[in-house]
């Protein structure tokens, strides 16, 4: 039968000579947040002349061009990785529908007032 191999240390304690092991930590990627405009009345220029207007914390109105046509869009955004990204909830109105909506604003506003009583 083979004899067991035993390590005999020259010093009294090896643990005194060893440095404590450090735990590995994840390095978090720091992403700069894009700051929205300070007030709802302000707008910011975007890509290709697009203008955006904030109407609530995560809802924006944009005026942009798509395939040569001007569009008015209302979209809900969400935050991911420190950036605002467009969500699925939204609508883009071509100019003719935007004009119809504007022309019906007084009637819509009256209906809102009646329902909120």
PDB file of N, CA and C in Angstrom:
ATOM      1  N   UNK A   1       0.817  -1.175   0.000  1.00  0.00           N
ATOM      2  CA  UNK A   1       0.000   0.000   0.000  1.00  0.00           C
ATOM      3  C   UNK A   1       0.868   1.248   0.000  1.00  0.00           C
ATOM      4  N   UNK A   2       0.472   2.254  -0.847  1.00  0.00           N
ATOM      5  CA  UNK A   2       1.299   3.461  -0.879  1.00  0.00           C
ATOM      6  C   UNK A   2       1.060   4.305   0.358  1.00  0.00           C
ATOM      7  N   UNK A   3       2.102   4.977   0.735  1.00  0.00           N
ATOM      8  CA  UNK A   3       1.993   5.870   1.883  1.00  0.00           C
ATOM      9  C   UNK A   3       1.327   7.172   1.445  1.00  0.00           C
ATOM     10  N   UNK A   4       0.601   7.792   2.330  1.00  0.00           N
ATOM     11  CA  UNK A   4      -0.048   9.050   1.993  1.00  0.00           C
ATOM     12  C   UNK A   4       1.002  10.146   1.890  1.00  0.00           C
ATOM     13  N   UNK A   5       0.774  11.032   0.931  1.00  0.00           N
ATOM     14  CA  UNK A   5       1.713  12.128   0.739  1.00  0.00           C
ATOM     15  C   UNK A   5       1.235  13.309   1.564  1.00  0.00           C
ATOM     16  N   UNK A   6       2.080  13.750   2.415  1.00  0.00           N
ATOM     17  CA  UNK A   6       1.713  14.840   3.300  1.00  0.00           C
ATOM     18  C   UNK A   6       2.688  15.979   3.081  1.00  0.00           C
ATOM     19  N   UNK A   7       2.145  17.196   2.975  1.00  0.00           N
ATOM     20  CA  UNK A   7       2.970  18.365   2.773  1.00  0.00           C
ATOM     21  C   UNK A   7       3.313  18.949   4.128  1.00  0.00           C
ATOM     22  N   UNK A   8       4.566  19.155   4.333  1.00  0.00           N
ATOM     23  CA  UNK A   8       5.014  19.742   5.590  1.00  0.00           C
ATOM     24  C   UNK A   8       5.574  21.105   5.264  1.00  0.00           C
ATOM     25  N   UNK A   9       5.059  22.102   5.946  1.00  0.00           N
ATOM     26  CA  UNK A   9       5.436  23.480   5.706  1.00  0.00           C
ATOM     27  C   UNK A   9       6.662  23.851   6.518  1.00  0.00           C
ATOM     28  N   UNK A  10       7.496  24.741   5.944  1.00  0.00           N
ATOM     29  CA  UNK A  10       8.661  25.231   6.654  1.00  0.00           C
ATOM     30  C   UNK A  10       8.254  26.243   7.716  1.00  0.00           C
ATOM     31  N   UNK A  11       7.192  27.034   7.391  1.00  0.00           N
ATOM     32  CA  UNK A  11       6.767  28.031   8.362  1.00  0.00           C
ATOM     33  C   UNK A  11       5.645  27.469   9.216  1.00  0.00           C
ATOM     34  N   UNK A  12       5.376  28.174  10.258  1.00  0.00           N
ATOM     35  CA  UNK A  12       4.355  27.700  11.166  1.00  0.00           C
ATOM     36  C   UNK A  12       2.973  27.799  10.534  1.00  0.00           C
ATOM     37  N   UNK A  13       2.699  28.885   9.801  1.00  0.00           N
ATOM     38  CA  UNK A  13       1.382  29.060   9.193  1.00  0.00           C
ATOM     39  C   UNK A  13       1.553  29.694   7.814  1.00  0.00           C
ATOM     40  N   UNK A  14       1.040  29.017   6.791  1.00  0.00           N
ATOM     41  CA  UNK A  14       1.098  29.558   5.435  1.00  0.00           C
ATOM     42  C   UNK A  14       0.077  30.667   5.237  1.00  0.00           C
ATOM     43  N   UNK A  15      -0.994  30.648   6.005  1.00  0.00           N
ATOM     44  CA  UNK A  15      -2.044  31.636   5.809  1.00  0.00           C
ATOM     45  C   UNK A  15      -1.583  33.042   6.165  1.00  0.00           C
ATOM     46  N   UNK A  16      -0.529  33.169   6.974  1.00  0.00           N
ATOM     47  CA  UNK A  16      -0.016  34.483   7.316  1.00  0.00           C
ATOM     48  C   UNK A  16       0.643  35.157   6.123  1.00  0.00           C
ATOM     49  N   UNK A  17       1.198  34.369   5.218  1.00  0.00           N
ATOM     50  CA  UNK A  17       1.918  34.907   4.071  1.00  0.00           C
ATOM     51  C   UNK A  17       1.002  35.229   2.899  1.00  0.00           C
ATOM     52  N   UNK A  18      -0.198  34.644   2.864  1.00  0.00           N
ATOM     53  CA  UNK A  18      -1.100  34.844   1.730  1.00  0.00           C
ATOM     54  C   UNK A  18      -1.911  36.113   1.906  1.00  0.00           C
ATOM     55  N   UNK A  19      -2.060  36.852   0.809  1.00  0.00           N
ATOM     56  CA  UNK A  19      -2.906  38.042   0.830  1.00  0.00           C
ATOM     57  C   UNK A  19      -4.354  37.585   0.702  1.00  0.00           C
ATOM     58  N   UNK A  20      -5.284  38.267   1.346  1.00  0.00           N
ATOM     59  CA  UNK A  20      -6.689  37.869   1.223  1.00  0.00           C
ATOM     60  C   UNK A  20      -7.146  38.043  -0.219  1.00  0.00           C
ATOM     61  N   UNK A  21      -7.957  37.089  -0.683  1.00  0.00           N
ATOM     62  CA  UNK A  21      -8.453  37.145  -2.060  1.00  0.00           C
ATOM     63  C   UNK A  21      -9.587  38.149  -2.150  1.00  0.00           C
ATOM     64  N   UNK A  22      -9.571  38.926  -3.237  1.00  0.00           N
ATOM     65  CA  UNK A  22     -10.620  39.910  -3.463  1.00  0.00           C
ATOM     66  C   UNK A  22     -11.706  39.290  -4.327  1.00  0.00           C
ATOM     67  N   UNK A  23     -12.936  39.661  -4.025  1.00  0.00           N
ATOM     68  CA  UNK A  23     -14.062  39.189  -4.825  1.00  0.00           C
ATOM     69  C   UNK A  23     -14.083  39.945  -6.140  1.00  0.00           C
ATOM     70  N   UNK A  24     -14.417  39.226  -7.187  1.00  0.00           N
ATOM     71  CA  UNK A  24     -14.544  39.872  -8.490  1.00  0.00           C
ATOM     72  C   UNK A  24     -15.910  40.545  -8.551  1.00  0.00           C
ATOM     73  N   UNK A  25     -15.910  41.751  -9.035  1.00  0.00           N
ATOM     74  CA  UNK A  25     -17.169  42.475  -9.166  1.00  0.00           C
ATOM     75  C   UNK A  25     -17.388  42.834 -10.619  1.00  0.00           C
ATOM     76  N   UNK A  26     -18.656  42.918 -10.977  1.00  0.00           N
ATOM     77  CA  UNK A  26     -18.994  43.312 -12.339  1.00  0.00           C
ATOM     78  C   UNK A  26     -18.747  44.809 -12.494  1.00  0.00           C
ATOM     79  N   UNK A  27     -18.214  45.169 -13.615  1.00  0.00           N
ATOM     80  CA  UNK A  27     -18.017  46.575 -13.923  1.00  0.00           C
ATOM     81  C   UNK A  27     -19.249  47.022 -14.687  1.00  0.00           C
ATOM     82  N   UNK A  28     -19.959  47.981 -14.111  1.00  0.00           N
ATOM     83  CA  UNK A  28     -21.172  48.452 -14.752  1.00  0.00           C
ATOM     84  C   UNK A  28     -20.831  49.498 -15.792  1.00  0.00           C
ATOM     85  N   UNK A  29     -21.466  49.348 -16.934  1.00  0.00           N
ATOM     86  CA  UNK A  29     -21.273  50.287 -18.019  1.00  0.00           C
ATOM     87  C   UNK A  29     -22.066  51.545 -17.701  1.00  0.00           C
ATOM     88  N   UNK A  30     -21.395  52.663 -17.636  1.00  0.00           N
ATOM     89  CA  UNK A  30     -22.052  53.911 -17.311  1.00  0.00           C
ATOM     90  C   UNK A  30     -22.590  54.527 -18.598  1.00  0.00           C
ATOM     91  N   UNK A  31     -23.898  54.753 -18.624  1.00  0.00           N
ATOM     92  CA  UNK A  31     -24.546  55.306 -19.800  1.00  0.00           C
ATOM     93  C   UNK A  31     -25.098  56.673 -19.437  1.00  0.00           C
ATOM     94  N   UNK A  32     -24.796  57.637 -20.255  1.00  0.00           N
ATOM     95  CA  UNK A  32     -25.272  58.987 -20.007  1.00  0.00           C
ATOM     96  C   UNK A  32     -26.736  59.088 -20.408  1.00  0.00           C
ATOM     97  N   UNK A  33     -27.562  59.601 -19.494  1.00  0.00           N
ATOM     98  CA  UNK A  33     -28.984  59.759 -19.776  1.00  0.00           C
ATOM     99  C   UNK A  33     -29.199  60.955 -20.671  1.00  0.00           C
ATOM    100  N   UNK A  34     -30.108  60.789 -21.610  1.00  0.00           N
ATOM    101  CA  UNK A  34     -30.490  61.917 -22.442  1.00  0.00           C
ATOM    102  C   UNK A  34     -31.545  62.695 -21.686  1.00  0.00           C
ATOM    103  N   UNK A  35     -31.316  63.963 -21.509  1.00  0.00           N
ATOM    104  CA  UNK A  35     -32.250  64.794 -20.773  1.00  0.00           C
ATOM    105  C   UNK A  35     -33.313  65.328 -21.722  1.00  0.00           C
ATOM    106  N   UNK A  36     -34.598  65.155 -21.384  1.00  0.00           N
ATOM    107  CA  UNK A  36     -35.662  65.725 -22.203  1.00  0.00           C
ATOM    108  C   UNK A  36     -35.730  67.230 -22.002  1.00  0.00           C
ATOM    109  N   UNK A  37     -36.440  67.931 -22.860  1.00  0.00           N
ATOM    110  CA  UNK A  37     -36.588  69.370 -22.684  1.00  0.00           C
ATOM    111  C   UNK A  37     -37.202  69.683 -21.318  1.00  0.00           C
ATOM    112  N   UNK A  38     -36.899  70.843 -20.778  1.00  0.00           N
ATOM    113  CA  UNK A  38     -37.344  71.219 -19.438  1.00  0.00           C
ATOM    114  C   UNK A  38     -38.848  71.468 -19.345  1.00  0.00           C
ATOM    115  N   UNK A  39     -39.476  72.028 -20.380  1.00  0.00           N
ATOM    116  CA  UNK A  39     -40.910  72.304 -20.300  1.00  0.00           C
ATOM    117  C   UNK A  39     -41.630  71.683 -21.471  1.00  0.00           C
ATOM    118  N   UNK A  40     -42.941  71.508 -21.309  1.00  0.00           N
ATOM    119  CA  UNK A  40     -43.741  70.890 -22.359  1.00  0.00           C
ATOM    120  C   UNK A  40     -43.827  71.786 -23.590  1.00  0.00           C
ATOM    121  N   UNK A  41     -43.635  73.092 -23.422  1.00  0.00           N
ATOM    122  CA  UNK A  41     -43.753  74.020 -24.532  1.00  0.00           C
ATOM    123  C   UNK A  41     -42.505  74.039 -25.404  1.00  0.00           C
ATOM    124  N   UNK A  42     -41.390  73.546 -24.882  1.00  0.00           N
ATOM    125  CA  UNK A  42     -40.157  73.590 -25.661  1.00  0.00           C
ATOM    126  C   UNK A  42     -40.089  72.413 -26.628  1.00  0.00           C
ATOM    127  N   UNK A  43     -39.295  72.579 -27.650  1.00  0.00           N
ATOM    128  CA  UNK A  43     -39.119  71.498 -28.616  1.00  0.00           C
ATOM    129  C   UNK A  43     -37.633  71.306 -28.866  1.00  0.00           C
ATOM    130  N   UNK A  44     -37.304  70.140 -29.373  1.00  0.00           N
ATOM    131  CA  UNK A  44     -35.907  69.867 -29.698  1.00  0.00           C
ATOM    132  C   UNK A  44     -35.819  69.406 -31.137  1.00  0.00           C
ATOM    133  N   UNK A  45     -34.824  69.896 -31.868  1.00  0.00           N
ATOM    134  CA  UNK A  45     -34.635  69.417 -33.238  1.00  0.00           C
ATOM    135  C   UNK A  45     -34.050  68.009 -33.209  1.00  0.00           C
ATOM    136  N   UNK A  46     -34.488  67.181 -34.119  1.00  0.00           N
ATOM    137  CA  UNK A  46     -33.990  65.811 -34.186  1.00  0.00           C
ATOM    138  C   UNK A  46     -33.354  65.536 -35.522  1.00  0.00           C
ATOM    139  N   UNK A  47     -33.352  64.257 -35.883  1.00  0.00           N
ATOM    140  CA  UNK A  47     -32.773  63.847 -37.164  1.00  0.00           C
ATOM    141  C   UNK A  47     -33.559  64.451 -38.323  1.00  0.00           C
ATOM    142  N   UNK A  48     -32.875  64.864 -39.329  1.00  0.00           N
ATOM    143  CA  UNK A  48     -33.453  65.352 -40.588  1.00  0.00           C
ATOM    144  C   UNK A  48     -34.529  66.416 -40.368  1.00  0.00           C
ATOM    145  N   UNK A  49     -34.311  67.315 -39.420  1.00  0.00           N
ATOM    146  CA  UNK A  49     -35.250  68.404 -39.204  1.00  0.00           C
ATOM    147  C   UNK A  49     -36.469  68.051 -38.386  1.00  0.00           C
ATOM    148  N   UNK A  50     -36.540  66.850 -37.850  1.00  0.00           N
ATOM    149  CA  UNK A  50     -37.677  66.446 -37.016  1.00  0.00           C
ATOM    150  C   UNK A  50     -37.718  67.311 -35.764  1.00  0.00           C
ATOM    151  N   UNK A  51     -38.916  67.672 -35.315  1.00  0.00           N
ATOM    152  CA  UNK A  51     -39.091  68.430 -34.079  1.00  0.00           C
ATOM    153  C   UNK A  51     -39.899  67.582 -33.112  1.00  0.00           C
ATOM    154  N   UNK A  52     -39.523  67.611 -31.843  1.00  0.00           N
ATOM    155  CA  UNK A  52     -40.249  66.845 -30.832  1.00  0.00           C
ATOM    156  C   UNK A  52     -40.691  67.756 -29.703  1.00  0.00           C
ATOM    157  N   UNK A  53     -41.863  67.439 -29.132  1.00  0.00           N
ATOM    158  CA  UNK A  53     -42.463  68.209 -28.058  1.00  0.00           C
ATOM    159  C   UNK A  53     -42.902  67.235 -26.974  1.00  0.00           C
ATOM    160  N   UNK A  54     -42.489  67.494 -25.746  1.00  0.00           N
ATOM    161  CA  UNK A  54     -42.850  66.602 -24.642  1.00  0.00           C
ATOM    162  C   UNK A  54     -44.206  67.023 -24.090  1.00  0.00           C
ATOM    163  N   UNK A  55     -45.132  66.038 -23.970  1.00  0.00           N
ATOM    164  CA  UNK A  55     -46.447  66.348 -23.408  1.00  0.00           C
ATOM    165  C   UNK A  55     -46.663  65.676 -22.055  1.00  0.00           C
ATOM    166  N   UNK A  56     -45.851  64.706 -21.709  1.00  0.00           N
ATOM    167  CA  UNK A  56     -45.825  64.111 -20.379  1.00  0.00           C
ATOM    168  C   UNK A  56     -44.464  63.452 -20.210  1.00  0.00           C
ATOM    169  N   UNK A  57     -44.267  62.779 -19.088  1.00  0.00           N
ATOM    170  CA  UNK A  57     -42.952  62.200 -18.798  1.00  0.00           C
ATOM    171  C   UNK A  57     -42.467  61.281 -19.921  1.00  0.00           C
ATOM    172  N   UNK A  58     -43.343  60.417 -20.414  1.00  0.00           N
ATOM    173  CA  UNK A  58     -42.938  59.436 -21.426  1.00  0.00           C
ATOM    174  C   UNK A  58     -43.711  59.565 -22.735  1.00  0.00           C
ATOM    175  N   UNK A  59     -44.405  60.660 -22.938  1.00  0.00           N
ATOM    176  CA  UNK A  59     -45.143  60.846 -24.204  1.00  0.00           C
ATOM    177  C   UNK A  59     -44.631  62.075 -24.920  1.00  0.00           C
ATOM    178  N   UNK A  60     -44.456  61.906 -26.224  1.00  0.00           N
ATOM    179  CA  UNK A  60     -43.894  62.955 -27.060  1.00  0.00           C
ATOM    180  C   UNK A  60     -44.699  63.094 -28.340  1.00  0.00           C
ATOM    181  N   UNK A  61     -44.751  64.325 -28.835  1.00  0.00           N
ATOM    182  CA  UNK A  61     -45.332  64.618 -30.142  1.00  0.00           C
ATOM    183  C   UNK A  61     -44.172  64.963 -31.051  1.00  0.00           C
ATOM    184  N   UNK A  62     -44.182  64.405 -32.255  1.00  0.00           N
ATOM    185  CA  UNK A  62     -43.112  64.718 -33.204  1.00  0.00           C
ATOM    186  C   UNK A  62     -43.708  65.180 -34.525  1.00  0.00           C
ATOM    187  N   UNK A  63     -42.996  66.067 -35.171  1.00  0.00           N
ATOM    188  CA  UNK A  63     -43.340  66.499 -36.520  1.00  0.00           C
ATOM    189  C   UNK A  63     -42.153  66.100 -37.375  1.00  0.00           C
ATOM    190  N   UNK A  64     -42.413  65.198 -38.315  1.00  0.00           N
ATOM    191  CA  UNK A  64     -41.316  64.658 -39.114  1.00  0.00           C
ATOM    192  C   UNK A  64     -41.777  64.445 -40.549  1.00  0.00           C
ATOM    193  N   UNK A  65     -40.844  63.988 -41.352  1.00  0.00           N
ATOM    194  CA  UNK A  65     -41.140  63.694 -42.752  1.00  0.00           C
ATOM    195  C   UNK A  65     -40.901  62.211 -42.994  1.00  0.00           C
ATOM    196  N   UNK A  66     -41.862  61.565 -43.668  1.00  0.00           N
ATOM    197  CA  UNK A  66     -41.739  60.148 -43.995  1.00  0.00           C
ATOM    198  C   UNK A  66     -42.141  59.966 -45.448  1.00  0.00           C
ATOM    199  N   UNK A  67     -41.213  59.484 -46.236  1.00  0.00           N
ATOM    200  CA  UNK A  67     -41.435  59.291 -47.678  1.00  0.00           C
ATOM    201  C   UNK A  67     -41.987  60.546 -48.352  1.00  0.00           C
ATOM    202  N   UNK A  68     -41.407  61.678 -47.979  1.00  0.00           N
ATOM    203  CA  UNK A  68     -41.780  62.943 -48.602  1.00  0.00           C
ATOM    204  C   UNK A  68     -43.045  63.580 -48.056  1.00  0.00           C
ATOM    205  N   UNK A  69     -43.678  62.970 -47.048  1.00  0.00           N
ATOM    206  CA  UNK A  69     -44.905  63.524 -46.476  1.00  0.00           C
ATOM    207  C   UNK A  69     -44.660  63.930 -45.030  1.00  0.00           C
ATOM    208  N   UNK A  70     -45.220  65.070 -44.651  1.00  0.00           N
ATOM    209  CA  UNK A  70     -45.108  65.532 -43.266  1.00  0.00           C
ATOM    210  C   UNK A  70     -46.093  64.742 -42.407  1.00  0.00           C
ATOM    211  N   UNK A  71     -45.608  64.269 -41.249  1.00  0.00           N
ATOM    212  CA  UNK A  71     -46.431  63.472 -40.330  1.00  0.00           C
ATOM    213  C   UNK A  71     -46.361  64.081 -38.939  1.00  0.00           C
ATOM    214  N   UNK A  72     -47.477  63.995 -38.211  1.00  0.00           N
ATOM    215  CA  UNK A  72     -47.520  64.394 -36.812  1.00  0.00           C
ATOM    216  C   UNK A  72     -47.720  63.109 -36.009  1.00  0.00           C
ATOM    217  N   UNK A  73     -46.759  62.803 -35.169  1.00  0.00           N
ATOM    218  CA  UNK A  73     -46.815  61.555 -34.413  1.00  0.00           C
ATOM    219  C   UNK A  73     -46.920  61.798 -32.923  1.00  0.00           C
ATOM    220  N   UNK A  74     -47.687  60.935 -32.261  1.00  0.00           N
ATOM    221  CA  UNK A  74     -47.771  60.942 -30.801  1.00  0.00           C
ATOM    222  C   UNK A  74     -47.330  59.557 -30.373  1.00  0.00           C
ATOM    223  N   UNK A  75     -46.309  59.479 -29.536  1.00  0.00           N
ATOM    224  CA  UNK A  75     -45.752  58.179 -29.177  1.00  0.00           C
ATOM    225  C   UNK A  75     -45.369  58.136 -27.711  1.00  0.00           C
ATOM    226  N   UNK A  76     -45.528  56.948 -27.137  1.00  0.00           N
ATOM    227  CA  UNK A  76     -45.097  56.690 -25.767  1.00  0.00           C
ATOM    228  C   UNK A  76     -43.697  56.087 -25.820  1.00  0.00           C
ATOM    229  N   UNK A  77     -42.832  56.536 -24.932  1.00  0.00           N
ATOM    230  CA  UNK A  77     -41.453  56.061 -24.879  1.00  0.00           C
ATOM    231  C   UNK A  77     -41.217  55.296 -23.588  1.00  0.00           C
ATOM    232  N   UNK A  78     -40.157  54.497 -23.565  1.00  0.00           N
ATOM    233  CA  UNK A  78     -39.745  53.788 -22.357  1.00  0.00           C
ATOM    234  C   UNK A  78     -38.243  53.960 -22.207  1.00  0.00           C
ATOM    235  N   UNK A  79     -37.767  53.741 -20.980  1.00  0.00           N
ATOM    236  CA  UNK A  79     -36.341  53.915 -20.718  1.00  0.00           C
ATOM    237  C   UNK A  79     -35.658  52.559 -20.675  1.00  0.00           C
ATOM    238  N   UNK A  80     -34.578  52.431 -21.444  1.00  0.00           N
ATOM    239  CA  UNK A  80     -33.775  51.202 -21.463  1.00  0.00           C
ATOM    240  C   UNK A  80     -32.317  51.598 -21.610  1.00  0.00           C
ATOM    241  N   UNK A  81     -31.488  51.051 -20.745  1.00  0.00           N
ATOM    242  CA  UNK A  81     -30.045  51.322 -20.772  1.00  0.00           C
ATOM    243  C   UNK A  81     -29.757  52.820 -20.717  1.00  0.00           C
ATOM    244  N   UNK A  82     -30.566  53.544 -19.952  1.00  0.00           N
ATOM    245  CA  UNK A  82     -30.346  54.969 -19.778  1.00  0.00           C
ATOM    246  C   UNK A  82     -30.792  55.841 -20.937  1.00  0.00           C
ATOM    247  N   UNK A  83     -31.464  55.270 -21.914  1.00  0.00           N
ATOM    248  CA  UNK A  83     -31.925  56.033 -23.072  1.00  0.00           C
ATOM    249  C   UNK A  83     -33.432  55.926 -23.202  1.00  0.00           C
ATOM    250  N   UNK A  84     -34.053  56.960 -23.766  1.00  0.00           N
ATOM    251  CA  UNK A  84     -35.463  56.886 -24.108  1.00  0.00           C
ATOM    252  C   UNK A  84     -35.581  56.221 -25.469  1.00  0.00           C
ATOM    253  N   UNK A  85     -36.443  55.217 -25.530  1.00  0.00           N
ATOM    254  CA  UNK A  85     -36.658  54.508 -26.790  1.00  0.00           C
ATOM    255  C   UNK A  85     -38.136  54.490 -27.125  1.00  0.00           C
ATOM    256  N   UNK A  86     -38.491  54.562 -28.418  1.00  0.00           N
ATOM    257  CA  UNK A  86     -39.912  54.576 -28.787  1.00  0.00           C
ATOM    258  C   UNK A  86     -40.571  53.233 -28.513  1.00  0.00           C
ATOM    259  N   UNK A  87     -41.784  53.300 -27.969  1.00  0.00           N
ATOM    260  CA  UNK A  87     -42.540  52.090 -27.684  1.00  0.00           C
ATOM    261  C   UNK A  87     -43.493  51.754 -28.813  1.00  0.00           C
ATOM    262  N   UNK A  88     -44.293  50.723 -28.598  1.00  0.00           N
ATOM    263  CA  UNK A  88     -45.254  50.282 -29.610  1.00  0.00           C
ATOM    264  C   UNK A  88     -46.488  51.179 -29.659  1.00  0.00           C
ATOM    265  N   UNK A  89     -46.784  51.823 -28.539  1.00  0.00           N
ATOM    266  CA  UNK A  89     -47.996  52.633 -28.460  1.00  0.00           C
ATOM    267  C   UNK A  89     -47.768  54.000 -29.089  1.00  0.00           C
ATOM    268  N   UNK A  90     -48.481  54.262 -30.162  1.00  0.00           N
ATOM    269  CA  UNK A  90     -48.354  55.551 -30.807  1.00  0.00           C
ATOM    270  C   UNK A  90     -49.123  55.600 -32.106  1.00  0.00           C
ATOM    271  N   UNK A  91     -49.216  56.791 -32.660  1.00  0.00           N
ATOM    272  CA  UNK A  91     -49.912  56.993 -33.929  1.00  0.00           C
ATOM    273  C   UNK A  91     -49.215  58.111 -34.691  1.00  0.00           C
ATOM    274  N   UNK A  92     -49.193  57.975 -36.005  1.00  0.00           N
ATOM    275  CA  UNK A  92     -48.668  59.025 -36.874  1.00  0.00           C
ATOM    276  C   UNK A  92     -49.792  59.464 -37.799  1.00  0.00           C
ATOM    277  N   UNK A  93     -50.060  60.755 -37.801  1.00  0.00           N
ATOM    278  CA  UNK A  93     -51.136  61.295 -38.619  1.00  0.00           C
ATOM    279  C   UNK A  93     -50.558  62.055 -39.808  1.00  0.00           C
ATOM    280  N   UNK A  94     -51.042  61.735 -41.017  1.00  0.00           N
ATOM    281  CA  UNK A  94     -50.653  62.562 -42.162  1.00  0.00           C
ATOM    282  C   UNK A  94     -51.314  63.935 -42.024  1.00  0.00           C
ATOM    283  N   UNK A  95     -50.856  64.912 -42.780  1.00  0.00           N
ATOM    284  CA  UNK A  95     -51.342  66.285 -42.621  1.00  0.00           C
ATOM    285  C   UNK A  95     -52.854  66.434 -42.763  1.00  0.00           C
ATOM    286  N   UNK A  96     -53.476  65.699 -43.674  1.00  0.00           N
ATOM    287  CA  UNK A  96     -54.926  65.858 -43.838  1.00  0.00           C
ATOM    288  C   UNK A  96     -55.682  65.426 -42.578  1.00  0.00           C
ATOM    289  N   UNK A  97     -55.238  64.349 -41.937  1.00  0.00           N
ATOM    290  CA  UNK A  97     -55.880  63.911 -40.694  1.00  0.00           C
ATOM    291  C   UNK A  97     -55.541  64.858 -39.546  1.00  0.00           C
ATOM    292  N   UNK A  98     -54.337  65.395 -39.524  1.00  0.00           N
ATOM    293  CA  UNK A  98     -53.954  66.363 -38.512  1.00  0.00           C
ATOM    294  C   UNK A  98     -54.842  67.604 -38.610  1.00  0.00           C
ATOM    295  N   UNK A  99     -55.087  68.075 -39.843  1.00  0.00           N
ATOM    296  CA  UNK A  99     -55.952  69.242 -40.054  1.00  0.00           C
ATOM    297  C   UNK A  99     -57.376  68.962 -39.578  1.00  0.00           C
ATOM    298  N   UNK A 100     -57.891  67.769 -39.851  1.00  0.00           N
ATOM    299  CA  UNK A 100     -59.249  67.408 -39.391  1.00  0.00           C
ATOM    300  C   UNK A 100     -59.312  67.398 -37.866  1.00  0.00           C
ATOM    301  N   UNK A 101     -58.287  66.865 -37.239  1.00  0.00           N
ATOM    302  CA  UNK A 101     -58.237  66.843 -35.785  1.00  0.00           C
ATOM    303  C   UNK A 101     -58.212  68.271 -35.231  1.00  0.00           C
ATOM    304  N   UNK A 102     -57.392  69.132 -35.811  1.00  0.00           N
ATOM    305  CA  UNK A 102     -57.318  70.522 -35.360  1.00  0.00           C
ATOM    306  C   UNK A 102     -58.660  71.225 -35.521  1.00  0.00           C
ATOM    307  N   UNK A 103     -59.344  70.981 -36.641  1.00  0.00           N
ATOM    308  CA  UNK A 103     -60.635  71.629 -36.901  1.00  0.00           C
ATOM    309  C   UNK A 103     -61.722  71.152 -35.938  1.00  0.00           C
ATOM    310  N   UNK A 104     -61.578  69.962 -35.380  1.00  0.00           N
ATOM    311  CA  UNK A 104     -62.573  69.416 -34.458  1.00  0.00           C
ATOM    312  C   UNK A 104     -62.186  69.645 -32.990  1.00  0.00           C
ATOM    313  N   UNK A 105     -61.128  70.387 -32.769  1.00  0.00           N
ATOM    314  CA  UNK A 105     -60.622  70.568 -31.409  1.00  0.00           C
ATOM    315  C   UNK A 105     -61.672  71.159 -30.466  1.00  0.00           C
ATOM    316  N   UNK A 106     -62.401  72.184 -30.907  1.00  0.00           N
ATOM    317  CA  UNK A 106     -63.401  72.814 -30.037  1.00  0.00           C
ATOM    318  C   UNK A 106     -64.492  71.820 -29.639  1.00  0.00           C
ATOM    319  N   UNK A 107     -64.964  71.031 -30.598  1.00  0.00           N
ATOM    320  CA  UNK A 107     -65.996  70.024 -30.304  1.00  0.00           C
ATOM    321  C   UNK A 107     -65.468  68.948 -29.363  1.00  0.00           C
ATOM    322  N   UNK A 108     -64.246  68.514 -29.590  1.00  0.00           N
ATOM    323  CA  UNK A 108     -63.632  67.496 -28.725  1.00  0.00           C
ATOM    324  C   UNK A 108     -63.458  68.054 -27.322  1.00  0.00           C
ATOM    325  N   UNK A 109     -62.994  69.287 -27.228  1.00  0.00           N
ATOM    326  CA  UNK A 109     -62.777  69.909 -25.932  1.00  0.00           C
ATOM    327  C   UNK A 109     -64.108  70.062 -25.175  1.00  0.00           C
ATOM    328  N   UNK A 110     -65.168  70.411 -25.866  1.00  0.00           N
ATOM    329  CA  UNK A 110     -66.499  70.530 -25.245  1.00  0.00           C
ATOM    330  C   UNK A 110     -66.958  69.160 -24.718  1.00  0.00           C
ATOM    331  N   UNK A 111     -66.740  68.102 -25.498  1.00  0.00           N
ATOM    332  CA  UNK A 111     -67.130  66.756 -25.073  1.00  0.00           C
ATOM    333  C   UNK A 111     -66.328  66.330 -23.826  1.00  0.00           C
ATOM    334  N   UNK A 112     -65.067  66.710 -23.778  1.00  0.00           N
ATOM    335  CA  UNK A 112     -64.236  66.400 -22.598  1.00  0.00           C
ATOM    336  C   UNK A 112     -64.796  67.125 -21.384  1.00  0.00           C
ATOM    337  N   UNK A 113     -65.134  68.395 -21.532  1.00  0.00           N
ATOM    338  CA  UNK A 113     -65.705  69.166 -20.416  1.00  0.00           C
ATOM    339  C   UNK A 113     -66.998  68.553 -19.897  1.00  0.00           C
ATOM    340  N   UNK A 114     -67.878  68.122 -20.824  1.00  0.00           N
ATOM    341  CA  UNK A 114     -69.154  67.514 -20.435  1.00  0.00           C
ATOM    342  C   UNK A 114     -68.937  66.198 -19.677  1.00  0.00           C
ATOM    343  N   UNK A 115     -68.003  65.409 -20.131  1.00  0.00           N
ATOM    344  CA  UNK A 115     -67.760  64.109 -19.494  1.00  0.00           C
ATOM    345  C   UNK A 115     -67.050  64.236 -18.155  1.00  0.00           C
ATOM    346  N   UNK A 116     -66.302  65.320 -17.957  1.00  0.00           N
ATOM    347  CA  UNK A 116     -65.545  65.463 -16.713  1.00  0.00           C
ATOM    348  C   UNK A 116     -66.354  66.148 -15.619  1.00  0.00           C
ATOM    349  N   UNK A 117     -67.626  66.447 -15.865  1.00  0.00           N
ATOM    350  CA  UNK A 117     -68.485  67.064 -14.835  1.00  0.00           C
ATOM    351  C   UNK A 117     -68.935  66.049 -13.835  1.00  0.00           C
TER     352      UNK A 117
END
